[in-house]
């Protein structure tokens, strides 16, 4: 159901999100992270890793994001 998931740190926050660009199904994890935006390394689509919102073309569909918490040093994501 979930496919690939990327987990990144931006500042003091940890984020988990769908590791698939909605434009062409390429991975986002090889892209550039700038603040809270991840840029797809293939065609430059950008997504907000807090909300999943597609921020620019060629992507028009948002990505899934998942709530994350740190529990005793472990990163836990909620996929429900």
PDB file of N, CA and C in Angstrom:
ATOM      1  N   UNK A   1       0.806  -1.201   0.000  1.00  0.00           N
ATOM      2  CA  UNK A   1       0.000   0.000   0.000  1.00  0.00           C
ATOM      3  C   UNK A   1       0.847   1.262   0.000  1.00  0.00           C
ATOM      4  N   UNK A   2       1.945   1.288   0.736  1.00  0.00           N
ATOM      5  CA  UNK A   2       2.701   2.516   0.913  1.00  0.00           C
ATOM      6  C   UNK A   2       3.867   2.666  -0.048  1.00  0.00           C
ATOM      7  N   UNK A   3       4.419   1.595  -0.553  1.00  0.00           N
ATOM      8  CA  UNK A   3       5.568   1.712  -1.437  1.00  0.00           C
ATOM      9  C   UNK A   3       6.779   2.243  -0.699  1.00  0.00           C
ATOM     10  N   UNK A   4       7.563   3.055  -1.380  1.00  0.00           N
ATOM     11  CA  UNK A   4       8.792   3.601  -0.805  1.00  0.00           C
ATOM     12  C   UNK A   4       8.477   4.822   0.056  1.00  0.00           C
ATOM     13  N   UNK A   5       9.175   4.908   1.187  1.00  0.00           N
ATOM     14  CA  UNK A   5       9.020   6.019   2.123  1.00  0.00           C
ATOM     15  C   UNK A   5      10.398   6.653   2.325  1.00  0.00           C
ATOM     16  N   UNK A   6      10.461   7.975   2.307  1.00  0.00           N
ATOM     17  CA  UNK A   6      11.698   8.694   2.616  1.00  0.00           C
ATOM     18  C   UNK A   6      11.544   9.331   3.995  1.00  0.00           C
ATOM     19  N   UNK A   7      12.627   9.352   4.751  1.00  0.00           N
ATOM     20  CA  UNK A   7      12.661   9.987   6.068  1.00  0.00           C
ATOM     21  C   UNK A   7      13.834  10.960   6.060  1.00  0.00           C
ATOM     22  N   UNK A   8      13.547  12.224   6.358  1.00  0.00           N
ATOM     23  CA  UNK A   8      14.585  13.255   6.342  1.00  0.00           C
ATOM     24  C   UNK A   8      14.472  14.136   7.575  1.00  0.00           C
ATOM     25  N   UNK A   9      15.578  14.805   7.892  1.00  0.00           N
ATOM     26  CA  UNK A   9      15.582  15.805   8.955  1.00  0.00           C
ATOM     27  C   UNK A   9      15.699  17.175   8.289  1.00  0.00           C
ATOM     28  N   UNK A  10      14.814  18.066   8.695  1.00  0.00           N
ATOM     29  CA  UNK A  10      14.864  19.458   8.236  1.00  0.00           C
ATOM     30  C   UNK A  10      14.865  20.317   9.486  1.00  0.00           C
ATOM     31  N   UNK A  11      15.987  20.935   9.767  1.00  0.00           N
ATOM     32  CA  UNK A  11      16.133  21.669  11.028  1.00  0.00           C
ATOM     33  C   UNK A  11      16.070  20.689  12.184  1.00  0.00           C
ATOM     34  N   UNK A  12      15.167  20.927  13.126  1.00  0.00           N
ATOM     35  CA  UNK A  12      15.037  20.016  14.267  1.00  0.00           C
ATOM     36  C   UNK A  12      13.861  19.063  14.120  1.00  0.00           C
ATOM     37  N   UNK A  13      13.253  19.009  12.932  1.00  0.00           N
ATOM     38  CA  UNK A  13      12.084  18.147  12.693  1.00  0.00           C
ATOM     39  C   UNK A  13      12.452  16.994  11.773  1.00  0.00           C
ATOM     40  N   UNK A  14      11.790  15.872  11.995  1.00  0.00           N
ATOM     41  CA  UNK A  14      11.935  14.707  11.127  1.00  0.00           C
ATOM     42  C   UNK A  14      10.633  14.545  10.355  1.00  0.00           C
ATOM     43  N   UNK A  15      10.753  14.258   9.076  1.00  0.00           N
ATOM     44  CA  UNK A  15       9.588  14.124   8.203  1.00  0.00           C
ATOM     45  C   UNK A  15       9.659  12.795   7.458  1.00  0.00           C
ATOM     46  N   UNK A  16       8.501  12.184   7.253  1.00  0.00           N
ATOM     47  CA  UNK A  16       8.398  10.965   6.444  1.00  0.00           C
ATOM     48  C   UNK A  16       7.382  11.243   5.336  1.00  0.00           C
ATOM     49  N   UNK A  17       7.719  10.840   4.124  1.00  0.00           N
ATOM     50  CA  UNK A  17       6.839  11.103   2.990  1.00  0.00           C
ATOM     51  C   UNK A  17       7.034  10.047   1.909  1.00  0.00           C
ATOM     52  N   UNK A  18       6.065   9.986   1.035  1.00  0.00           N
ATOM     53  CA  UNK A  18       6.094   9.081  -0.104  1.00  0.00           C
ATOM     54  C   UNK A  18       7.339   9.395  -0.939  1.00  0.00           C
ATOM     55  N   UNK A  19       8.155   8.387  -1.196  1.00  0.00           N
ATOM     56  CA  UNK A  19       9.398   8.581  -1.941  1.00  0.00           C
ATOM     57  C   UNK A  19       9.171   8.338  -3.431  1.00  0.00           C
ATOM     58  N   UNK A  20       8.109   8.920  -3.956  1.00  0.00           N
ATOM     59  CA  UNK A  20       7.781   8.768  -5.368  1.00  0.00           C
ATOM     60  C   UNK A  20       7.243  10.095  -5.893  1.00  0.00           C
ATOM     61  N   UNK A  21       7.882  10.624  -6.911  1.00  0.00           N
ATOM     62  CA  UNK A  21       7.387  11.832  -7.554  1.00  0.00           C
ATOM     63  C   UNK A  21       6.094  11.494  -8.284  1.00  0.00           C
ATOM     64  N   UNK A  22       5.068  12.265  -8.053  1.00  0.00           N
ATOM     65  CA  UNK A  22       3.779  11.988  -8.685  1.00  0.00           C
ATOM     66  C   UNK A  22       3.782  12.332 -10.176  1.00  0.00           C
ATOM     67  N   UNK A  23       4.818  12.976 -10.648  1.00  0.00           N
ATOM     68  CA  UNK A  23       4.920  13.300 -12.073  1.00  0.00           C
ATOM     69  C   UNK A  23       5.304  12.081 -12.896  1.00  0.00           C
ATOM     70  N   UNK A  24       6.327  11.338 -12.440  1.00  0.00           N
ATOM     71  CA  UNK A  24       6.797  10.218 -13.275  1.00  0.00           C
ATOM     72  C   UNK A  24       7.237   8.991 -12.484  1.00  0.00           C
ATOM     73  N   UNK A  25       6.870   8.928 -11.213  1.00  0.00           N
ATOM     74  CA  UNK A  25       7.183   7.778 -10.355  1.00  0.00           C
ATOM     75  C   UNK A  25       8.669   7.591 -10.055  1.00  0.00           C
ATOM     76  N   UNK A  26       9.494   8.601 -10.306  1.00  0.00           N
ATOM     77  CA  UNK A  26      10.891   8.539  -9.899  1.00  0.00           C
ATOM     78  C   UNK A  26      11.004   8.759  -8.399  1.00  0.00           C
ATOM     79  N   UNK A  27      12.143   8.399  -7.830  1.00  0.00           N
ATOM     80  CA  UNK A  27      12.330   8.593  -6.390  1.00  0.00           C
ATOM     81  C   UNK A  27      12.669  10.043  -6.075  1.00  0.00           C
ATOM     82  N   UNK A  28      12.198  10.501  -4.937  1.00  0.00           N
ATOM     83  CA  UNK A  28      12.512  11.845  -4.462  1.00  0.00           C
ATOM     84  C   UNK A  28      13.745  11.851  -3.560  1.00  0.00           C
ATOM     85  N   UNK A  29      14.079  10.697  -2.993  1.00  0.00           N
ATOM     86  CA  UNK A  29      15.138  10.645  -1.984  1.00  0.00           C
ATOM     87  C   UNK A  29      16.503  11.062  -2.529  1.00  0.00           C
ATOM     88  N   UNK A  30      16.714  11.046  -3.814  1.00  0.00           N
ATOM     89  CA  UNK A  30      17.973  11.519  -4.386  1.00  0.00           C
ATOM     90  C   UNK A  30      17.949  12.997  -4.716  1.00  0.00           C
ATOM     91  N   UNK A  31      16.838  13.657  -4.394  1.00  0.00           N
ATOM     92  CA  UNK A  31      16.674  15.068  -4.731  1.00  0.00           C
ATOM     93  C   UNK A  31      17.294  15.995  -3.706  1.00  0.00           C
ATOM     94  N   UNK A  32      17.211  17.267  -3.993  1.00  0.00           N
ATOM     95  CA  UNK A  32      17.764  18.303  -3.130  1.00  0.00           C
ATOM     96  C   UNK A  32      16.716  18.754  -2.115  1.00  0.00           C
ATOM     97  N   UNK A  33      17.108  18.759  -0.847  1.00  0.00           N
ATOM     98  CA  UNK A  33      16.242  19.241   0.221  1.00  0.00           C
ATOM     99  C   UNK A  33      16.668  20.660   0.563  1.00  0.00           C
ATOM    100  N   UNK A  34      15.719  21.591   0.486  1.00  0.00           N
ATOM    101  CA  UNK A  34      15.991  22.981   0.825  1.00  0.00           C
ATOM    102  C   UNK A  34      14.895  23.433   1.778  1.00  0.00           C
ATOM    103  N   UNK A  35      15.252  23.575   3.055  1.00  0.00           N
ATOM    104  CA  UNK A  35      14.236  23.886   4.061  1.00  0.00           C
ATOM    105  C   UNK A  35      13.235  22.759   4.139  1.00  0.00           C
ATOM    106  N   UNK A  36      11.992  23.045   3.818  1.00  0.00           N
ATOM    107  CA  UNK A  36      10.939  22.026   3.855  1.00  0.00           C
ATOM    108  C   UNK A  36      10.463  21.635   2.457  1.00  0.00           C
ATOM    109  N   UNK A  37      11.329  21.852   1.452  1.00  0.00           N
ATOM    110  CA  UNK A  37      10.987  21.470   0.092  1.00  0.00           C
ATOM    111  C   UNK A  37      11.976  20.443  -0.433  1.00  0.00           C
ATOM    112  N   UNK A  38      11.435  19.408  -1.076  1.00  0.00           N
ATOM    113  CA  UNK A  38      12.269  18.415  -1.748  1.00  0.00           C
ATOM    114  C   UNK A  38      12.067  18.587  -3.243  1.00  0.00           C
ATOM    115  N   UNK A  39      13.161  18.596  -3.994  1.00  0.00           N
ATOM    116  CA  UNK A  39      13.091  18.740  -5.444  1.00  0.00           C
ATOM    117  C   UNK A  39      13.420  17.408  -6.102  1.00  0.00           C
ATOM    118  N   UNK A  40      12.553  16.970  -6.978  1.00  0.00           N
ATOM    119  CA  UNK A  40      12.773  15.724  -7.707  1.00  0.00           C
ATOM    120  C   UNK A  40      14.038  15.863  -8.555  1.00  0.00           C
ATOM    121  N   UNK A  41      14.946  14.896  -8.474  1.00  0.00           N
ATOM    122  CA  UNK A  41      16.189  15.005  -9.236  1.00  0.00           C
ATOM    123  C   UNK A  41      16.006  14.797 -10.742  1.00  0.00           C
ATOM    124  N   UNK A  42      14.863  14.288 -11.152  1.00  0.00           N
ATOM    125  CA  UNK A  42      14.673  13.995 -12.578  1.00  0.00           C
ATOM    126  C   UNK A  42      14.177  15.200 -13.375  1.00  0.00           C
ATOM    127  N   UNK A  43      13.121  15.858 -12.917  1.00  0.00           N
ATOM    128  CA  UNK A  43      12.527  16.925 -13.715  1.00  0.00           C
ATOM    129  C   UNK A  43      12.267  18.205 -12.936  1.00  0.00           C
ATOM    130  N   UNK A  44      12.698  18.267 -11.684  1.00  0.00           N
ATOM    131  CA  UNK A  44      12.626  19.512 -10.931  1.00  0.00           C
ATOM    132  C   UNK A  44      11.318  19.809 -10.220  1.00  0.00           C
ATOM    133  N   UNK A  45      10.374  18.877 -10.227  1.00  0.00           N
ATOM    134  CA  UNK A  45       9.144  19.104  -9.457  1.00  0.00           C
ATOM    135  C   UNK A  45       9.519  19.258  -7.989  1.00  0.00           C
ATOM    136  N   UNK A  46       8.805  20.126  -7.262  1.00  0.00           N
ATOM    137  CA  UNK A  46       9.086  20.330  -5.845  1.00  0.00           C
ATOM    138  C   UNK A  46       7.838  20.056  -5.017  1.00  0.00           C
ATOM    139  N   UNK A  47       8.080  19.546  -3.799  1.00  0.00           N
ATOM    140  CA  UNK A  47       7.007  19.199  -2.882  1.00  0.00           C
ATOM    141  C   UNK A  47       7.343  19.720  -1.496  1.00  0.00           C
ATOM    142  N   UNK A  48       6.305  20.131  -0.756  1.00  0.00           N
ATOM    143  CA  UNK A  48       6.462  20.529   0.640  1.00  0.00           C
ATOM    144  C   UNK A  48       6.426  19.252   1.475  1.00  0.00           C
ATOM    145  N   UNK A  49       7.495  18.951   2.189  1.00  0.00           N
ATOM    146  CA  UNK A  49       7.569  17.689   2.940  1.00  0.00           C
ATOM    147  C   UNK A  49       6.714  17.721   4.206  1.00  0.00           C
ATOM    148  N   UNK A  50       6.198  18.886   4.591  1.00  0.00           N
ATOM    149  CA  UNK A  50       5.300  18.973   5.746  1.00  0.00           C
ATOM    150  C   UNK A  50       3.869  18.637   5.365  1.00  0.00           C
ATOM    151  N   UNK A  51       3.463  19.061   4.175  1.00  0.00           N
ATOM    152  CA  UNK A  51       2.064  18.909   3.752  1.00  0.00           C
ATOM    153  C   UNK A  51       1.882  17.944   2.586  1.00  0.00           C
ATOM    154  N   UNK A  52       2.963  17.702   1.828  1.00  0.00           N
ATOM    155  CA  UNK A  52       2.888  16.865   0.630  1.00  0.00           C
ATOM    156  C   UNK A  52       2.481  17.630  -0.609  1.00  0.00           C
ATOM    157  N   UNK A  53       2.179  18.914  -0.476  1.00  0.00           N
ATOM    158  CA  UNK A  53       1.680  19.708  -1.598  1.00  0.00           C
ATOM    159  C   UNK A  53       2.701  19.798  -2.731  1.00  0.00           C
ATOM    160  N   UNK A  54       2.231  19.540  -3.959  1.00  0.00           N
ATOM    161  CA  UNK A  54       3.043  19.761  -5.153  1.00  0.00           C
ATOM    162  C   UNK A  54       3.173  21.264  -5.343  1.00  0.00           C
ATOM    163  N   UNK A  55       4.404  21.770  -5.439  1.00  0.00           N
ATOM    164  CA  UNK A  55       4.645  23.210  -5.471  1.00  0.00           C
ATOM    165  C   UNK A  55       4.899  23.762  -6.866  1.00  0.00           C
ATOM    166  N   UNK A  56       5.283  22.917  -7.804  1.00  0.00           N
ATOM    167  CA  UNK A  56       5.534  23.418  -9.152  1.00  0.00           C
ATOM    168  C   UNK A  56       5.441  22.292 -10.168  1.00  0.00           C
ATOM    169  N   UNK A  57       5.264  22.696 -11.399  1.00  0.00           N
ATOM    170  CA  UNK A  57       5.225  21.757 -12.519  1.00  0.00           C
ATOM    171  C   UNK A  57       6.598  21.102 -12.654  1.00  0.00           C
ATOM    172  N   UNK A  58       6.687  19.920 -13.151  1.00  0.00           N
ATOM    173  CA  UNK A  58       5.630  19.210 -13.854  1.00  0.00           C
ATOM    174  C   UNK A  58       4.680  18.409 -12.948  1.00  0.00           C
ATOM    175  N   UNK A  59       4.896  18.402 -11.652  1.00  0.00           N
ATOM    176  CA  UNK A  59       3.990  17.653 -10.758  1.00  0.00           C
ATOM    177  C   UNK A  59       2.723  18.465 -10.492  1.00  0.00           C
ATOM    178  N   UNK A  60       1.596  17.788 -10.538  1.00  0.00           N
ATOM    179  CA  UNK A  60       0.317  18.444 -10.222  1.00  0.00           C
ATOM    180  C   UNK A  60      -0.404  17.734  -9.082  1.00  0.00           C
ATOM    181  N   UNK A  61       0.048  16.529  -8.730  1.00  0.00           N
ATOM    182  CA  UNK A  61      -0.564  15.766  -7.638  1.00  0.00           C
ATOM    183  C   UNK A  61       0.350  15.793  -6.424  1.00  0.00           C
ATOM    184  N   UNK A  62      -0.246  15.921  -5.251  1.00  0.00           N
ATOM    185  CA  UNK A  62       0.500  15.929  -3.997  1.00  0.00           C
ATOM    186  C   UNK A  62       1.051  14.541  -3.674  1.00  0.00           C
ATOM    187  N   UNK A  63       2.041  14.495  -2.786  1.00  0.00           N
ATOM    188  CA  UNK A  63       2.553  13.233  -2.263  1.00  0.00           C
ATOM    189  C   UNK A  63       1.954  12.996  -0.881  1.00  0.00           C
ATOM    190  N   UNK A  64       1.986  11.762  -0.428  1.00  0.00           N
ATOM    191  CA  UNK A  64       1.526  11.421   0.919  1.00  0.00           C
ATOM    192  C   UNK A  64       2.616  11.797   1.920  1.00  0.00           C
ATOM    193  N   UNK A  65       2.200  12.322   3.068  1.00  0.00           N
ATOM    194  CA  UNK A  65       3.108  12.563   4.180  1.00  0.00           C
ATOM    195  C   UNK A  65       2.582  11.799   5.395  1.00  0.00           C
ATOM    196  N   UNK A  66       3.481  11.453   6.307  1.00  0.00           N
ATOM    197  CA  UNK A  66       3.123  10.618   7.444  1.00  0.00           C
ATOM    198  C   UNK A  66       3.618  11.252   8.742  1.00  0.00           C
ATOM    199  N   UNK A  67       2.769  11.285   9.768  1.00  0.00           N
ATOM    200  CA  UNK A  67       3.202  11.816  11.066  1.00  0.00           C
ATOM    201  C   UNK A  67       4.358  10.978  11.624  1.00  0.00           C
ATOM    202  N   UNK A  68       5.318  11.664  12.230  1.00  0.00           N
ATOM    203  CA  UNK A  68       6.521  11.013  12.757  1.00  0.00           C
ATOM    204  C   UNK A  68       6.729  11.447  14.204  1.00  0.00           C
ATOM    205  N   UNK A  69       7.241  10.518  15.007  1.00  0.00           N
ATOM    206  CA  UNK A  69       7.680  10.874  16.352  1.00  0.00           C
ATOM    207  C   UNK A  69       8.947  10.089  16.656  1.00  0.00           C
ATOM    208  N   UNK A  70       9.722  10.605  17.581  1.00  0.00           N
ATOM    209  CA  UNK A  70      10.920   9.914  18.057  1.00  0.00           C
ATOM    210  C   UNK A  70      10.591   9.360  19.430  1.00  0.00           C
ATOM    211  N   UNK A  71      10.778   8.061  19.596  1.00  0.00           N
ATOM    212  CA  UNK A  71      10.441   7.358  20.829  1.00  0.00           C
ATOM    213  C   UNK A  71      11.665   6.567  21.274  1.00  0.00           C
ATOM    214  N   UNK A  72      12.297   7.008  22.338  1.00  0.00           N
ATOM    215  CA  UNK A  72      13.496   6.335  22.873  1.00  0.00           C
ATOM    216  C   UNK A  72      14.563   6.168  21.795  1.00  0.00           C
ATOM    217  N   UNK A  73      14.713   7.207  20.953  1.00  0.00           N
ATOM    218  CA  UNK A  73      15.738   7.185  19.918  1.00  0.00           C
ATOM    219  C   UNK A  73      15.313   6.528  18.617  1.00  0.00           C
ATOM    220  N   UNK A  74      14.145   5.895  18.593  1.00  0.00           N
ATOM    221  CA  UNK A  74      13.633   5.273  17.372  1.00  0.00           C
ATOM    222  C   UNK A  74      12.692   6.222  16.659  1.00  0.00           C
ATOM    223  N   UNK A  75      12.747   6.243  15.342  1.00  0.00           N
ATOM    224  CA  UNK A  75      11.820   7.041  14.539  1.00  0.00           C
ATOM    225  C   UNK A  75      10.623   6.178  14.216  1.00  0.00           C
ATOM    226  N   UNK A  76       9.444   6.667  14.583  1.00  0.00           N
ATOM    227  CA  UNK A  76       8.202   5.935  14.347  1.00  0.00           C
ATOM    228  C   UNK A  76       7.309   6.790  13.460  1.00  0.00           C
ATOM    229  N   UNK A  77       6.756   6.180  12.393  1.00  0.00           N
ATOM    230  CA  UNK A  77       5.839   6.879  11.500  1.00  0.00           C
ATOM    231  C   UNK A  77       4.469   6.214  11.594  1.00  0.00           C
ATOM    232  N   UNK A  78       3.455   7.017  11.488  1.00  0.00           N
ATOM    233  CA  UNK A  78       2.072   6.535  11.548  1.00  0.00           C
ATOM    234  C   UNK A  78       1.533   6.445  10.120  1.00  0.00           C
ATOM    235  N   UNK A  79       1.261   5.232   9.661  1.00  0.00           N
ATOM    236  CA  UNK A  79       0.771   4.998   8.306  1.00  0.00           C
ATOM    237  C   UNK A  79      -0.734   4.747   8.249  1.00  0.00           C
ATOM    238  N   UNK A  80      -1.436   5.023   9.348  1.00  0.00           N
ATOM    239  CA  UNK A  80      -2.882   4.756   9.337  1.00  0.00           C
ATOM    240  C   UNK A  80      -3.665   5.860   8.677  1.00  0.00           C
TER     241      UNK A  80
END
